[in-house]
Amino acid sequence: MEAFDSVPPKWIESATHAREFCCPNCRASSREAQQVWLNRRSPVMTEDYRRKWQEFYQCQCGCVWWAWSNDRPPSDLLKREPPAIDE
């Protein structure tokens, strides 16, 4: 199963909407999911005309959950500015 497949997988049928961007059962992050599927076929427009879509996750604990893409917290993998050096 690819995250960007156009056909939704069967396992998403039991998905629960997570109010926070983590597993509602065990609080694991989306990075710990065993499977991921992004519903890119049906984007929703936000008030400021940006797209958002559903992201589905199958957690290691067995819980299947989804959240809106715009609810995703900022990535800690992004490059950050190096701290200023006092001279």
C-alpha atoms as a PDB file:
ATOM      1  CA  MET A   1       0.000   0.000   0.000  1.00  0.00           C
ATOM      2  CA  GLU A   2       1.367   3.340  -1.054  1.00  0.00           C
ATOM      3  CA  ALA A   3       0.460   6.518   0.819  1.00  0.00           C
ATOM      4  CA  PHE A   4      -0.503   8.221  -2.462  1.00  0.00           C
ATOM      5  CA  ASP A   5      -2.588   5.433  -4.051  1.00  0.00           C
ATOM      6  CA  SER A   6      -5.803   6.801  -5.527  1.00  0.00           C
ATOM      7  CA  VAL A   7      -7.897   3.913  -4.175  1.00  0.00           C
ATOM      8  CA  PRO A   8      -8.449   3.997  -0.409  1.00  0.00           C
ATOM      9  CA  PRO A   9      -7.356   0.904   1.518  1.00  0.00           C
ATOM     10  CA  LYS A  10      -9.925  -1.129   3.471  1.00  0.00           C
ATOM     11  CA  TRP A  11      -8.219  -0.453   6.802  1.00  0.00           C
ATOM     12  CA  ILE A  12      -9.298   3.228   6.807  1.00  0.00           C
ATOM     13  CA  GLU A  13     -12.996   2.289   7.129  1.00  0.00           C
ATOM     14  CA  SER A  14     -12.715   2.092  10.926  1.00  0.00           C
ATOM     15  CA  ALA A  15     -10.735   5.342  11.295  1.00  0.00           C
ATOM     16  CA  THR A  16     -11.425   7.716  14.185  1.00  0.00           C
ATOM     17  CA  HIS A  17     -10.941  11.469  13.846  1.00  0.00           C
ATOM     18  CA  ALA A  18      -8.048  12.425  16.117  1.00  0.00           C
ATOM     19  CA  ARG A  19      -8.498  15.859  17.691  1.00  0.00           C
ATOM     20  CA  GLU A  20      -4.731  16.137  18.188  1.00  0.00           C
ATOM     21  CA  PHE A  21      -2.215  15.009  15.582  1.00  0.00           C
ATOM     22  CA  CYS A  22      -1.399  11.706  17.279  1.00  0.00           C
ATOM     23  CA  CYS A  23      -3.003   8.344  17.946  1.00  0.00           C
ATOM     24  CA  PRO A  24      -6.057   8.934  20.156  1.00  0.00           C
ATOM     25  CA  ASN A  25      -5.490   5.558  21.821  1.00  0.00           C
ATOM     26  CA  CYS A  26      -1.781   5.501  22.749  1.00  0.00           C
ATOM     27  CA  ARG A  27      -0.676   9.053  21.765  1.00  0.00           C
ATOM     28  CA  ALA A  28       1.999   7.766  19.337  1.00  0.00           C
ATOM     29  CA  SER A  29       3.073  10.237  16.662  1.00  0.00           C
ATOM     30  CA  SER A  30       2.234   9.859  12.984  1.00  0.00           C
ATOM     31  CA  ARG A  31       5.876   8.861  12.354  1.00  0.00           C
ATOM     32  CA  GLU A  32       5.306   5.679  14.339  1.00  0.00           C
ATOM     33  CA  ALA A  33       2.397   4.538  12.154  1.00  0.00           C
ATOM     34  CA  GLN A  34       2.615   1.173  10.437  1.00  0.00           C
ATOM     35  CA  GLN A  35       0.609   2.338   7.420  1.00  0.00           C
ATOM     36  CA  VAL A  36      -0.307   5.733   5.991  1.00  0.00           C
ATOM     37  CA  TRP A  37      -2.764   6.842   3.323  1.00  0.00           C
ATOM     38  CA  LEU A  38      -3.378  10.418   2.185  1.00  0.00           C
ATOM     39  CA  ASN A  39      -6.761  11.263   0.682  1.00  0.00           C
ATOM     40  CA  ARG A  40      -5.434  13.649  -1.956  1.00  0.00           C
ATOM     41  CA  ARG A  41      -8.420  13.071  -4.260  1.00  0.00           C
ATOM     42  CA  SER A  42     -10.842  15.089  -2.142  1.00  0.00           C
ATOM     43  CA  PRO A  43      -9.143  18.227  -0.826  1.00  0.00           C
ATOM     44  CA  VAL A  44     -11.109  20.719   1.228  1.00  0.00           C
ATOM     45  CA  MET A  45     -10.552  24.457   0.868  1.00  0.00           C
ATOM     46  CA  THR A  46      -9.848  26.443   4.023  1.00  0.00           C
ATOM     47  CA  GLU A  47     -11.051  29.972   4.735  1.00  0.00           C
ATOM     48  CA  ASP A  48      -7.827  31.387   3.274  1.00  0.00           C
ATOM     49  CA  TYR A  49      -8.169  29.293   0.076  1.00  0.00           C
ATOM     50  CA  ARG A  50      -5.553  26.707   0.969  1.00  0.00           C
ATOM     51  CA  ARG A  51      -6.105  23.000   0.478  1.00  0.00           C
ATOM     52  CA  LYS A  52      -6.235  20.505   3.281  1.00  0.00           C
ATOM     53  CA  TRP A  53      -6.822  16.779   3.082  1.00  0.00           C
ATOM     54  CA  GLN A  54      -7.353  13.797   5.322  1.00  0.00           C
ATOM     55  CA  GLU A  55      -4.302  11.835   6.432  1.00  0.00           C
ATOM     56  CA  PHE A  56      -5.024   8.307   7.658  1.00  0.00           C
ATOM     57  CA  TYR A  57      -2.729   6.356   9.967  1.00  0.00           C
ATOM     58  CA  GLN A  58      -2.723   2.782  11.230  1.00  0.00           C
ATOM     59  CA  CYS A  59      -0.932   2.874  14.556  1.00  0.00           C
ATOM     60  CA  GLN A  60       1.284   0.175  16.009  1.00  0.00           C
ATOM     61  CA  CYS A  61      -1.320  -0.265  18.796  1.00  0.00           C
ATOM     62  CA  GLY A  62      -3.958  -1.225  16.195  1.00  0.00           C
ATOM     63  CA  CYS A  63      -5.913   2.033  16.290  1.00  0.00           C
ATOM     64  CA  VAL A  64      -6.748   3.613  12.930  1.00  0.00           C
ATOM     65  CA  TRP A  65      -7.036   7.391  13.015  1.00  0.00           C
ATOM     66  CA  TRP A  66      -7.164  10.382  10.720  1.00  0.00           C
ATOM     67  CA  ALA A  67      -6.480  14.097  11.005  1.00  0.00           C
ATOM     68  CA  TRP A  68      -6.497  17.108   8.718  1.00  0.00           C
ATOM     69  CA  SER A  69      -3.191  17.863   7.001  1.00  0.00           C
ATOM     70  CA  ASN A  70      -3.214  21.459   8.237  1.00  0.00           C
ATOM     71  CA  ASP A  71      -3.353  20.224  11.852  1.00  0.00           C
ATOM     72  CA  ARG A  72       0.065  18.610  11.481  1.00  0.00           C
ATOM     73  CA  PRO A  73       2.586  20.199  13.860  1.00  0.00           C
ATOM     74  CA  PRO A  74       5.724  21.808  12.395  1.00  0.00           C
ATOM     75  CA  SER A  75       8.402  19.279  11.544  1.00  0.00           C
ATOM     76  CA  ASP A  76      11.503  19.091  13.691  1.00  0.00           C
ATOM     77  CA  LEU A  77      13.307  17.874  10.552  1.00  0.00           C
ATOM     78  CA  LEU A  78      13.235  21.325   8.962  1.00  0.00           C
ATOM     79  CA  LYS A  79      16.466  23.240   8.887  1.00  0.00           C
ATOM     80  CA  ARG A  80      16.631  25.827  11.604  1.00  0.00           C
ATOM     81  CA  GLU A  81      18.686  28.971  11.737  1.00  0.00           C
ATOM     82  CA  PRO A  82      21.917  28.430  13.680  1.00  0.00           C
ATOM     83  CA  PRO A  83      22.053  30.315  16.976  1.00  0.00           C
ATOM     84  CA  ALA A  84      23.680  33.732  16.846  1.00  0.00           C
ATOM     85  CA  ILE A  85      27.273  33.817  18.055  1.00  0.00           C
ATOM     86  CA  ASP A  86      28.004  36.564  20.535  1.00  0.00           C
ATOM     87  CA  GLU A  87      31.218  38.382  19.740  1.00  0.00           C
END
